Every structure is written in structure tokens, then in C-alpha cells.
C-alpha atoms as a PDB file:
ATOM      1  CA  MET A   1    -153.292 -91.272 -39.121  1.00  0.00           C
ATOM      2  CA  SER A   2    -154.834 -92.643 -35.940  1.00  0.00           C
ATOM      3  CA  VAL A   3    -155.209 -91.112 -32.514  1.00  0.00           C
ATOM      4  CA  THR A   4    -155.178 -93.192 -29.375  1.00  0.00           C
ATOM      5  CA  THR A   5    -156.593 -91.870 -26.123  1.00  0.00           C
ATOM      6  CA  HIS A   6    -156.474 -93.278 -22.649  1.00  0.00           C
ATOM      7  CA  ASP A   7    -158.836 -92.448 -19.803  1.00  0.00           C
ATOM      8  CA  TYR A   8    -156.984 -92.580 -16.496  1.00  0.00           C
ATOM      9  CA  GLY A   9    -160.180 -92.272 -14.460  1.00  0.00           C
ATOM     10  CA  SER A  10    -160.140 -92.368 -10.692  1.00  0.00           C
ATOM     11  CA  GLY A  11    -157.295 -94.890 -10.575  1.00  0.00           C
ATOM     12  CA  SER A  12    -154.798 -92.239 -11.565  1.00  0.00           C
ATOM     13  CA  ALA A  13    -151.336 -92.355 -10.045  1.00  0.00           C
ATOM     14  CA  ARG A  14    -151.472 -88.601  -9.517  1.00  0.00           C
ATOM     15  CA  ALA A  15    -150.744 -87.696  -5.894  1.00  0.00           C
ATOM     16  CA  ARG A  16    -153.405 -85.959  -3.866  1.00  0.00           C
ATOM     17  CA  THR A  17    -152.179 -82.865  -2.102  1.00  0.00           C
ATOM     18  CA  HIS A  18    -153.692 -81.053   0.817  1.00  0.00           C
ATOM     19  CA  SER A  19    -155.250 -77.843  -0.359  1.00  0.00           C
ATOM     20  CA  VAL A  20    -156.884 -74.703   0.971  1.00  0.00           C
ATOM     21  CA  GLU A  21    -159.723 -73.029  -0.894  1.00  0.00           C
ATOM     22  CA  ILE A  22    -159.198 -69.317  -1.483  1.00  0.00           C
ATOM     23  CA  ALA A  23    -161.802 -67.392  -3.495  1.00  0.00           C
ATOM     24  CA  GLY A  24    -163.182 -70.641  -4.865  1.00  0.00           C
ATOM     25  CA  VAL A  25    -159.808 -71.944  -6.044  1.00  0.00           C
ATOM     26  CA  ALA A  26    -158.004 -74.836  -4.359  1.00  0.00           C
ATOM     27  CA  TRP A  27    -154.402 -73.856  -3.555  1.00  0.00           C
ATOM     28  CA  PRO A  28    -151.939 -76.633  -2.679  1.00  0.00           C
ATOM     29  CA  LEU A  29    -150.777 -76.199   0.889  1.00  0.00           C
ATOM     30  CA  TYR A  30    -147.083 -76.217  -0.065  1.00  0.00           C
ATOM     31  CA  LYS A  31    -147.575 -73.079  -2.176  1.00  0.00           C
ATOM     32  CA  LEU A  32    -149.114 -71.223   0.755  1.00  0.00           C
ATOM     33  CA  GLN A  33    -146.306 -72.416   3.025  1.00  0.00           C
ATOM     34  CA  ALA A  34    -143.744 -71.056   0.565  1.00  0.00           C
ATOM     35  CA  LEU A  35    -145.574 -67.740   0.354  1.00  0.00           C
ATOM     36  CA  MET A  36    -145.744 -67.396   4.138  1.00  0.00           C
ATOM     37  CA  THR A  37    -142.059 -68.296   4.389  1.00  0.00           C
ATOM     38  CA  PHE A  38    -141.239 -65.529   1.906  1.00  0.00           C
ATOM     39  CA  LEU A  39    -143.226 -62.971   3.875  1.00  0.00           C
ATOM     40  CA  VAL A  40    -141.892 -63.916   7.312  1.00  0.00           C
ATOM     41  CA  VAL A  41    -138.246 -64.326   6.282  1.00  0.00           C
ATOM     42  CA  GLY A  42    -138.336 -61.229   4.094  1.00  0.00           C
ATOM     43  CA  LEU A  43    -139.750 -59.122   6.903  1.00  0.00           C
ATOM     44  CA  ALA A  44    -137.279 -60.505   9.469  1.00  0.00           C
ATOM     45  CA  VAL A  45    -134.226 -60.006   7.249  1.00  0.00           C
ATOM     46  CA  GLY A  46    -135.469 -56.605   6.086  1.00  0.00           C
ATOM     47  CA  VAL A  47    -135.896 -55.364   9.640  1.00  0.00           C
ATOM     48  CA  GLY A  48    -132.632 -56.932  10.772  1.00  0.00           C
ATOM     49  CA  THR A  49    -130.439 -55.657   7.963  1.00  0.00           C
ATOM     50  CA  THR A  50    -132.449 -52.673   6.642  1.00  0.00           C
ATOM     51  CA  SER A  51    -131.488 -53.899   3.171  1.00  0.00           C
ATOM     52  CA  ALA A  52    -134.287 -54.632   0.733  1.00  0.00           C
ATOM     53  CA  VAL A  53    -131.932 -56.459  -1.618  1.00  0.00           C
ATOM     54  CA  ALA A  54    -130.720 -58.854   1.081  1.00  0.00           C
ATOM     55  CA  ALA A  55    -134.272 -59.387   2.325  1.00  0.00           C
ATOM     56  CA  VAL A  56    -135.595 -60.309  -1.119  1.00  0.00           C
ATOM     57  CA  TRP A  57    -132.688 -62.643  -1.941  1.00  0.00           C
ATOM     58  CA  VAL A  58    -132.797 -64.511   1.360  1.00  0.00           C
ATOM     59  CA  ALA A  59    -136.591 -64.726   1.350  1.00  0.00           C
ATOM     60  CA  THR A  60    -136.587 -66.017  -2.228  1.00  0.00           C
ATOM     61  CA  ILE A  61    -134.020 -68.704  -1.461  1.00  0.00           C
ATOM     62  CA  ALA A  62    -135.936 -69.796   1.635  1.00  0.00           C
ATOM     63  CA  SER A  63    -139.316 -69.890  -0.100  1.00  0.00           C
ATOM     64  CA  VAL A  64    -137.997 -71.837  -3.099  1.00  0.00           C
ATOM     65  CA  ALA A  65    -136.426 -74.362  -0.726  1.00  0.00           C
ATOM     66  CA  VAL A  66    -139.745 -74.767   1.106  1.00  0.00           C
ATOM     67  CA  TRP A  67    -141.679 -75.009  -2.164  1.00  0.00           C
ATOM     68  CA  LEU A  68    -139.452 -77.719  -3.642  1.00  0.00           C
ATOM     69  CA  THR A  69    -139.098 -79.849  -0.520  1.00  0.00           C
ATOM     70  CA  GLN A  70    -142.797 -79.710   0.380  1.00  0.00           C
ATOM     71  CA  ARG A  71    -143.845 -80.439  -3.207  1.00  0.00           C
ATOM     72  CA  ALA A  72    -141.534 -83.454  -3.278  1.00  0.00           C
ATOM     73  CA  ARG A  73    -142.955 -84.705   0.031  1.00  0.00           C
ATOM     74  CA  HIS A  74    -146.545 -84.328  -1.203  1.00  0.00           C
ATOM     75  CA  ARG A  75    -145.802 -86.110  -4.481  1.00  0.00           C
ATOM     76  CA  ARG A  76    -144.151 -89.007  -2.676  1.00  0.00           C
ATOM     77  CA  ARG A  77    -147.369 -89.794  -0.753  1.00  0.00           C
END
């Protein structure tokens, strides 16, 4: 049996994303945007409807939409 390895090095096709360092760990910016979207939308819907269930569902849908679209935009670069 033989094993073949490949070193991609610095010429990798992997996309570089903008990141923010929090506690020594680099977080991709799109993850923080999704988190902030969840908090803002959840708070707004929660105050507007006084329903925790509606707030969590709407905030989750909004944050997943932000996460997926921003991740796709960052990967395309």
C-alpha cells in the first residue's frame, strides 16, 4: 500500500476571509455578522411581539441567511 501526499503551500486556492481576533482566536467576519444579526433581530422581534418563540425563529432565519450569503461572498473572492 502506498500513500501519496501533496503540499498545497502558499499557492492554495483557499479563499482568504476577513477576520477579527477575539481572545486570541481569529473569527471570520461573516460569523460575527450573523451573530449580531441574531441578537438585533431577536431583540427587535421579541420587544415587538412579546413572543420568545417568534423572536427566536425569525432571528434564526435571518442569521442563517446572513451567514450563508456572506460566506458565499467571501469564498467567491
